[in-house]
C-alpha cells in the first residue's frame, strides 16, 4: 500500500479482517509485531485513493461489519431522524392549530404563556428551549406527586 501514496485509482478493494477492531470512535489494527506497516494508516490510505468505486469486504469480523455499516449509513440515519422529527413537529403543530380553532380562550392563554416564557428566558439568561424543558420537568413532577411548585426554580 505504501506505493499508492499520492496516487488515485478508479476501483479500490479494501479487506477488513479479524485483525481490525474499533473502540471510542476509532479503528485499531492488531497485526503481529513482525508486520512492517502501520495497519490503520494503510486502511486510511486505501480509502482515500478511490476515484469511482470502493468495495469494502469484511471477513470474519461481525463487530467491524456492524461498525462499517454505522459509518456508511450515518448520513442516511441522520437525515431520517431529522425527517421523523420534522414530521412529528408538523403533526403536533397541526393538532395545536385545530385545538386553537376550537377554543379561542386557549389561543389567548398560549399567547400569554409565550410572553411569560420569553420574559423568563431573559431573566434567567437562558434559551427558551431550556426554559421550556425546565417547565416540562416541573409539570411532570407536579403530576407525579401532586405537589405545587412555582416556575421560578
Foldseek 3Di string as FASTA:
>chain_A
DVVCVPAADQEFEAEAEPQWDDDPPDIAGNDDPVPPDRVVVVVVSRVVRHDHYYHYHYYHHVRVVVVVVCVVCVVVVVVVVVVVVVVVVVVVVVVVVVVCVVPVVVVVVVVVVVVVLVVLCVVVVHDSVVLVVLVVVQVVVCVVPVDDDDSND
